[in-house]
Structure formats: C-alpha cells, structure tokens
Amino acid sequence: MDQSAEQARQLDSLASAPLPSNSAFGAFGMAGFAGMPPQPAPPEPRPILELGGEEYEDELDALSDWVDDFLIRVYGAEVTTAAPWCEQWQEHDDVLAWLHALWLAYQQHKDPEAGLSGLFVWHRDFLTHAMATVRAAGGPLSACMTDPARPAHRLLPGPPPSARTSAAAAEEPKENVEPDQAGG
C-alpha cells in the first residue's frame, strides 16, 4: 500500500513538473538524473582527412605523438615482410585514416565512462583489426620498410577512376579554351 502511494506521488510530480528544455531526456519525457544539469554533447569526431589547415596539422601532430610514443612502441612488434611499417606513415592517406580512427576509438574506450572493460573492448574490436589491415603483407605499407636496417617509403598508386567517372569528365565542356585552340 505504501509503495503504491509512493508511486502515485512520483507520477503526480512527474506529470506536473515542466521538463527542462535543455534536458538530455526531454524528448523521452524524463528530466535529467537526480537534478543534475544536462551534460553538453561531446564534439562530433571528424575524420582527419576531412580536416584542413591548422586543424589538420594540430590533429596530425597529436596523432603522430600517440602513434610514435605509444602505439608502435607497445604494439609495433617486429618489422618484417609479413608486417611492414613506414616511418613516413603520415603520407599514406589510408594508413592515416585507419590510425586516426583507431586513436579516436582508444580515446573513447580509455574514458572512465567506458567502464573497466573499455580497453579490452578497444583491443578486441579495434586494435587487432586495424593493425592487421595497416600492416598486412599486401597492405598499404607493403612497398615500404620490411627490414628496420633498410628504411624505405613508397606510395603505391591507387586504382584509376571508374569508367563512369572518366566518361563524365571527358564530356565536361572545357573552360577557358579559346575557339581556335579547340579546333574551331
């Protein structure tokens, strides 16, 4: 009976109290927990290849520090033909994108809110797959260093544009071409 009365009081207070407009739970008809102010939304992560200028340089500096001082030192293992590496990995766009995503996931999973298993989840779901992809024998670094005694760096050419993209580019009118230069 007491429990029923308590529930009725709670329902009455919830029904009569206006919801704060800035509550993270307002859309669900719930106020913030225990009167705590709502937390601001974290900034949306942006892939490093979408950044530009100083924002890109700052992100690249921070990522390079993490990769050089932590990731490779702890998880780099041996450089071999089966697991190549490149001291100029920042110049490989695909490697840069993979390692940036791995770093963002690391930051998220080391946060106390990720709980005690956060870093285990990072190892299981992110680290192993990313490093296997980046350092695969036929992967993006396969033309680079396979022996630490012989540093090497070579960017492999990517695939050409699709036939559809090439055809569309060929059909576009040429701008800034004088009529006599265009054959007319």
C-alpha atoms as a PDB file:
ATOM      1  CA  MET A   1       0.000   0.000   0.000  1.00  0.00           C
ATOM      2  CA  ASP A   2       2.853   2.384   0.909  1.00  0.00           C
ATOM      3  CA  GLN A   3       4.647   1.514  -2.325  1.00  0.00           C
ATOM      4  CA  SER A   4       1.521   2.255  -4.329  1.00  0.00           C
ATOM      5  CA  ALA A   5       1.129   5.630  -2.624  1.00  0.00           C
ATOM      6  CA  GLU A   6       4.795   6.480  -3.306  1.00  0.00           C
ATOM      7  CA  GLN A   7       4.376   5.610  -6.981  1.00  0.00           C
ATOM      8  CA  ALA A   8       1.282   7.808  -7.180  1.00  0.00           C
ATOM      9  CA  ARG A   9       3.233  10.748  -5.652  1.00  0.00           C
ATOM     10  CA  GLN A  10       6.049  10.217  -8.176  1.00  0.00           C
ATOM     11  CA  LEU A  11       3.602  10.106 -11.079  1.00  0.00           C
ATOM     12  CA  ASP A  12       1.907  13.287  -9.880  1.00  0.00           C
ATOM     13  CA  SER A  13       5.218  15.147  -9.581  1.00  0.00           C
ATOM     14  CA  LEU A  14       6.358  13.977 -12.996  1.00  0.00           C
ATOM     15  CA  ALA A  15       3.064  14.935 -14.601  1.00  0.00           C
ATOM     16  CA  SER A  16       3.037  18.415 -13.085  1.00  0.00           C
ATOM     17  CA  ALA A  17       6.693  19.386 -13.343  1.00  0.00           C
ATOM     18  CA  PRO A  18       7.629  21.076 -16.611  1.00  0.00           C
ATOM     19  CA  LEU A  19      10.518  19.396 -18.372  1.00  0.00           C
ATOM     20  CA  PRO A  20      13.657  21.455 -18.746  1.00  0.00           C
ATOM     21  CA  SER A  21      14.078  22.354 -22.389  1.00  0.00           C
ATOM     22  CA  ASN A  22      17.777  21.547 -22.292  1.00  0.00           C
ATOM     23  CA  SER A  23      17.339  18.119 -20.684  1.00  0.00           C
ATOM     24  CA  ALA A  24      19.046  15.270 -22.484  1.00  0.00           C
ATOM     25  CA  PHE A  25      15.985  13.170 -21.657  1.00  0.00           C
ATOM     26  CA  GLY A  26      13.337  15.770 -22.521  1.00  0.00           C
ATOM     27  CA  ALA A  27      12.381  14.014 -25.741  1.00  0.00           C
ATOM     28  CA  PHE A  28      11.622  10.890 -23.717  1.00  0.00           C
ATOM     29  CA  GLY A  29       9.520  12.718 -21.135  1.00  0.00           C
ATOM     30  CA  MET A  30      12.240  12.408 -18.487  1.00  0.00           C
ATOM     31  CA  ALA A  31      14.192  15.089 -16.707  1.00  0.00           C
ATOM     32  CA  GLY A  32      17.931  14.780 -16.075  1.00  0.00           C
ATOM     33  CA  PHE A  33      19.073  12.312 -13.428  1.00  0.00           C
ATOM     34  CA  ALA A  34      18.735  13.468  -9.813  1.00  0.00           C
ATOM     35  CA  GLY A  35      18.515  17.127 -10.721  1.00  0.00           C
ATOM     36  CA  MET A  36      21.950  17.116 -12.322  1.00  0.00           C
ATOM     37  CA  PRO A  37      22.444  19.637 -15.104  1.00  0.00           C
ATOM     38  CA  PRO A  38      22.492  18.090 -18.561  1.00  0.00           C
ATOM     39  CA  GLN A  39      25.915  17.319 -19.976  1.00  0.00           C
ATOM     40  CA  PRO A  40      26.899  19.157 -23.132  1.00  0.00           C
ATOM     41  CA  ALA A  41      27.096  16.938 -26.168  1.00  0.00           C
ATOM     42  CA  PRO A  42      30.661  15.901 -26.970  1.00  0.00           C
ATOM     43  CA  PRO A  43      32.096  17.322 -30.160  1.00  0.00           C
ATOM     44  CA  GLU A  44      31.415  15.188 -33.185  1.00  0.00           C
ATOM     45  CA  PRO A  45      34.548  13.392 -34.287  1.00  0.00           C
ATOM     46  CA  ARG A  46      35.662  14.270 -37.779  1.00  0.00           C
ATOM     47  CA  PRO A  47      37.872  12.034 -39.877  1.00  0.00           C
ATOM     48  CA  ILE A  48      41.341  13.542 -40.187  1.00  0.00           C
ATOM     49  CA  LEU A  49      41.154  13.538 -43.987  1.00  0.00           C
ATOM     50  CA  GLU A  50      38.171  15.924 -43.774  1.00  0.00           C
ATOM     51  CA  LEU A  51      40.122  18.482 -41.745  1.00  0.00           C
ATOM     52  CA  GLY A  52      42.107  21.293 -43.260  1.00  0.00           C
ATOM     53  CA  GLY A  53      44.735  23.871 -42.438  1.00  0.00           C
ATOM     54  CA  GLU A  54      45.776  24.341 -38.839  1.00  0.00           C
ATOM     55  CA  GLU A  55      43.060  21.997 -37.563  1.00  0.00           C
ATOM     56  CA  TYR A  56      44.536  19.195 -39.702  1.00  0.00           C
ATOM     57  CA  GLU A  57      48.099  19.970 -38.598  1.00  0.00           C
ATOM     58  CA  ASP A  58      47.160  20.015 -34.908  1.00  0.00           C
ATOM     59  CA  GLU A  59      45.306  16.700 -35.210  1.00  0.00           C
ATOM     60  CA  LEU A  60      48.182  15.149 -37.171  1.00  0.00           C
ATOM     61  CA  ASP A  61      50.704  16.294 -34.539  1.00  0.00           C
ATOM     62  CA  ALA A  62      48.666  14.779 -31.708  1.00  0.00           C
ATOM     63  CA  LEU A  63      48.069  11.555 -33.664  1.00  0.00           C
ATOM     64  CA  SER A  64      51.769  11.269 -34.563  1.00  0.00           C
ATOM     65  CA  ASP A  65      52.725  11.627 -30.908  1.00  0.00           C
ATOM     66  CA  TRP A  66      50.290   8.857 -29.937  1.00  0.00           C
ATOM     67  CA  VAL A  67      51.381   6.524 -32.749  1.00  0.00           C
ATOM     68  CA  ASP A  68      55.125   7.065 -32.231  1.00  0.00           C
ATOM     69  CA  ASP A  69      55.186   7.261 -28.428  1.00  0.00           C
ATOM     70  CA  PHE A  70      52.553   4.650 -27.599  1.00  0.00           C
ATOM     71  CA  LEU A  71      51.058   2.554 -30.381  1.00  0.00           C
ATOM     72  CA  ILE A  72      54.206   1.459 -32.210  1.00  0.00           C
ATOM     73  CA  ARG A  73      56.303   1.279 -29.057  1.00  0.00           C
ATOM     74  CA  VAL A  74      53.761  -1.048 -27.395  1.00  0.00           C
ATOM     75  CA  TYR A  75      52.064  -2.825 -30.302  1.00  0.00           C
ATOM     76  CA  GLY A  76      54.501  -2.360 -33.181  1.00  0.00           C
ATOM     77  CA  ALA A  77      56.166  -5.748 -32.856  1.00  0.00           C
ATOM     78  CA  GLU A  78      58.835  -6.647 -35.363  1.00  0.00           C
ATOM     79  CA  VAL A  79      59.025  -5.143 -38.843  1.00  0.00           C
ATOM     80  CA  THR A  80      59.105  -7.944 -41.401  1.00  0.00           C
ATOM     81  CA  THR A  81      57.798  -8.698 -44.881  1.00  0.00           C
ATOM     82  CA  ALA A  82      54.699 -10.081 -43.151  1.00  0.00           C
ATOM     83  CA  ALA A  83      54.297  -6.910 -41.052  1.00  0.00           C
ATOM     84  CA  PRO A  84      55.787  -3.892 -42.847  1.00  0.00           C
ATOM     85  CA  TRP A  85      55.937  -0.389 -41.417  1.00  0.00           C
ATOM     86  CA  CYS A  86      56.764   3.045 -42.763  1.00  0.00           C
ATOM     87  CA  GLU A  87      58.469   5.842 -40.885  1.00  0.00           C
ATOM     88  CA  GLN A  88      56.529   8.213 -43.149  1.00  0.00           C
ATOM     89  CA  TRP A  89      53.146   6.594 -42.455  1.00  0.00           C
ATOM     90  CA  GLN A  90      51.517  10.056 -42.342  1.00  0.00           C
ATOM     91  CA  GLU A  91      51.932  10.272 -46.138  1.00  0.00           C
ATOM     92  CA  HIS A  92      49.801   7.176 -46.727  1.00  0.00           C
ATOM     93  CA  ASP A  93      46.232   8.534 -46.646  1.00  0.00           C
ATOM     94  CA  ASP A  94      44.660   5.141 -45.987  1.00  0.00           C
ATOM     95  CA  VAL A  95      47.039   4.403 -43.108  1.00  0.00           C
ATOM     96  CA  LEU A  96      46.471   7.885 -41.725  1.00  0.00           C
ATOM     97  CA  ALA A  97      42.701   7.343 -41.803  1.00  0.00           C
ATOM     98  CA  TRP A  98      42.951   3.903 -40.136  1.00  0.00           C
ATOM     99  CA  LEU A  99      45.276   5.080 -37.370  1.00  0.00           C
ATOM    100  CA  HIS A 100      43.223   8.195 -36.712  1.00  0.00           C
ATOM    101  CA  ALA A 101      40.077   6.101 -36.325  1.00  0.00           C
ATOM    102  CA  LEU A 102      41.986   3.738 -34.024  1.00  0.00           C
ATOM    103  CA  TRP A 103      43.156   6.699 -31.932  1.00  0.00           C
ATOM    104  CA  LEU A 104      39.632   8.106 -31.640  1.00  0.00           C
ATOM    105  CA  ALA A 105      38.376   4.694 -30.504  1.00  0.00           C
ATOM    106  CA  TYR A 106      41.240   4.491 -27.998  1.00  0.00           C
ATOM    107  CA  GLN A 107      40.293   7.849 -26.511  1.00  0.00           C
ATOM    108  CA  GLN A 108      36.671   6.770 -26.192  1.00  0.00           C
ATOM    109  CA  HIS A 109      37.442   3.381 -24.644  1.00  0.00           C
ATOM    110  CA  LYS A 110      40.011   4.615 -22.118  1.00  0.00           C
ATOM    111  CA  ASP A 111      37.497   7.114 -20.755  1.00  0.00           C
ATOM    112  CA  PRO A 112      36.211   6.143 -17.283  1.00  0.00           C
ATOM    113  CA  GLU A 113      32.663   6.079 -18.668  1.00  0.00           C
ATOM    114  CA  ALA A 114      33.672   3.124 -20.843  1.00  0.00           C
ATOM    115  CA  GLY A 115      33.927   1.081 -17.678  1.00  0.00           C
ATOM    116  CA  LEU A 116      36.525  -1.417 -16.569  1.00  0.00           C
ATOM    117  CA  SER A 117      36.280  -3.399 -19.790  1.00  0.00           C
ATOM    118  CA  GLY A 118      36.653  -0.377 -22.076  1.00  0.00           C
ATOM    119  CA  LEU A 119      40.258  -1.040 -23.035  1.00  0.00           C
ATOM    120  CA  PHE A 120      39.592  -4.740 -23.513  1.00  0.00           C
ATOM    121  CA  VAL A 121      36.855  -3.813 -25.989  1.00  0.00           C
ATOM    122  CA  TRP A 122      39.312  -1.481 -27.755  1.00  0.00           C
ATOM    123  CA  HIS A 123      41.864  -4.290 -28.054  1.00  0.00           C
ATOM    124  CA  ARG A 124      39.309  -6.832 -29.243  1.00  0.00           C
ATOM    125  CA  ASP A 125      37.218  -4.707 -31.577  1.00  0.00           C
ATOM    126  CA  PHE A 126      39.631  -2.079 -32.875  1.00  0.00           C
ATOM    127  CA  LEU A 127      43.359  -2.614 -32.324  1.00  0.00           C
ATOM    128  CA  THR A 128      43.715  -6.108 -33.718  1.00  0.00           C
ATOM    129  CA  HIS A 129      41.749  -5.445 -36.892  1.00  0.00           C
ATOM    130  CA  ALA A 130      43.286  -2.035 -37.613  1.00  0.00           C
ATOM    131  CA  MET A 131      46.880  -3.183 -37.133  1.00  0.00           C
ATOM    132  CA  ALA A 132      46.295  -6.346 -39.189  1.00  0.00           C
ATOM    133  CA  THR A 133      44.908  -4.226 -42.028  1.00  0.00           C
ATOM    134  CA  VAL A 134      47.532  -1.475 -41.917  1.00  0.00           C
ATOM    135  CA  ARG A 135      50.477  -3.855 -41.567  1.00  0.00           C
ATOM    136  CA  ALA A 136      49.267  -6.660 -43.845  1.00  0.00           C
ATOM    137  CA  ALA A 137      51.840  -8.197 -46.184  1.00  0.00           C
ATOM    138  CA  GLY A 138      49.864  -6.968 -49.182  1.00  0.00           C
ATOM    139  CA  GLY A 139      48.514  -3.884 -47.450  1.00  0.00           C
ATOM    140  CA  PRO A 140      49.125  -0.170 -47.850  1.00  0.00           C
ATOM    141  CA  LEU A 141      52.664  -0.317 -46.442  1.00  0.00           C
ATOM    142  CA  SER A 142      53.806  -3.375 -48.387  1.00  0.00           C
ATOM    143  CA  ALA A 143      56.129  -1.301 -50.595  1.00  0.00           C
ATOM    144  CA  CYS A 144      57.756   0.327 -47.567  1.00  0.00           C
ATOM    145  CA  MET A 145      60.101  -0.860 -44.835  1.00  0.00           C
ATOM    146  CA  THR A 146      60.163  -4.624 -44.359  1.00  0.00           C
ATOM    147  CA  ASP A 147      63.551  -4.618 -42.627  1.00  0.00           C
ATOM    148  CA  PRO A 148      64.484  -1.989 -40.000  1.00  0.00           C
ATOM    149  CA  ALA A 149      68.040  -1.954 -41.354  1.00  0.00           C
ATOM    150  CA  ARG A 150      66.713  -0.764 -44.742  1.00  0.00           C
ATOM    151  CA  PRO A 151      64.194   2.068 -44.252  1.00  0.00           C
ATOM    152  CA  ALA A 152      62.009   2.531 -47.309  1.00  0.00           C
ATOM    153  CA  HIS A 153      58.994   4.577 -48.315  1.00  0.00           C
ATOM    154  CA  ARG A 154      56.955   4.289 -51.480  1.00  0.00           C
ATOM    155  CA  LEU A 155      53.393   5.334 -52.186  1.00  0.00           C
ATOM    156  CA  LEU A 156      51.642   2.758 -54.296  1.00  0.00           C
ATOM    157  CA  PRO A 157      49.332   4.126 -56.981  1.00  0.00           C
ATOM    158  CA  GLY A 158      45.658   3.706 -56.296  1.00  0.00           C
ATOM    159  CA  PRO A 159      43.114   2.436 -58.775  1.00  0.00           C
ATOM    160  CA  PRO A 160      42.091   4.762 -61.611  1.00  0.00           C
ATOM    161  CA  PRO A 161      38.651   6.408 -61.579  1.00  0.00           C
ATOM    162  CA  SER A 162      35.729   4.269 -62.679  1.00  0.00           C
ATOM    163  CA  ALA A 163      34.742   4.223 -66.340  1.00  0.00           C
ATOM    164  CA  ARG A 164      31.631   6.233 -65.481  1.00  0.00           C
ATOM    165  CA  THR A 165      33.655   8.988 -63.766  1.00  0.00           C
ATOM    166  CA  SER A 166      36.187   9.061 -66.607  1.00  0.00           C
ATOM    167  CA  ALA A 167      33.417   9.296 -69.230  1.00  0.00           C
ATOM    168  CA  ALA A 168      31.697  12.121 -67.322  1.00  0.00           C
ATOM    169  CA  ALA A 169      34.979  14.032 -67.073  1.00  0.00           C
ATOM    170  CA  ALA A 170      35.582  13.622 -70.818  1.00  0.00           C
ATOM    171  CA  GLU A 171      32.110  15.016 -71.610  1.00  0.00           C
ATOM    172  CA  GLU A 172      32.502  18.157 -69.487  1.00  0.00           C
ATOM    173  CA  PRO A 173      32.958  21.303 -71.578  1.00  0.00           C
ATOM    174  CA  LYS A 174      36.441  22.708 -71.475  1.00  0.00           C
ATOM    175  CA  GLU A 175      36.555  26.085 -69.731  1.00  0.00           C
ATOM    176  CA  ASN A 176      38.907  28.896 -70.688  1.00  0.00           C
ATOM    177  CA  VAL A 177      39.700  27.333 -74.072  1.00  0.00           C
ATOM    178  CA  GLU A 178      39.830  29.738 -76.994  1.00  0.00           C
ATOM    179  CA  PRO A 179      37.780  28.608 -80.028  1.00  0.00           C
ATOM    180  CA  ASP A 180      40.874  28.390 -82.225  1.00  0.00           C
ATOM    181  CA  GLN A 181      42.599  26.184 -79.627  1.00  0.00           C
ATOM    182  CA  ALA A 182      39.648  23.792 -79.508  1.00  0.00           C
ATOM    183  CA  GLY A 183      39.974  23.120 -83.221  1.00  0.00           C
ATOM    184  CA  GLY A 184      37.360  25.603 -84.405  1.00  0.00           C
END
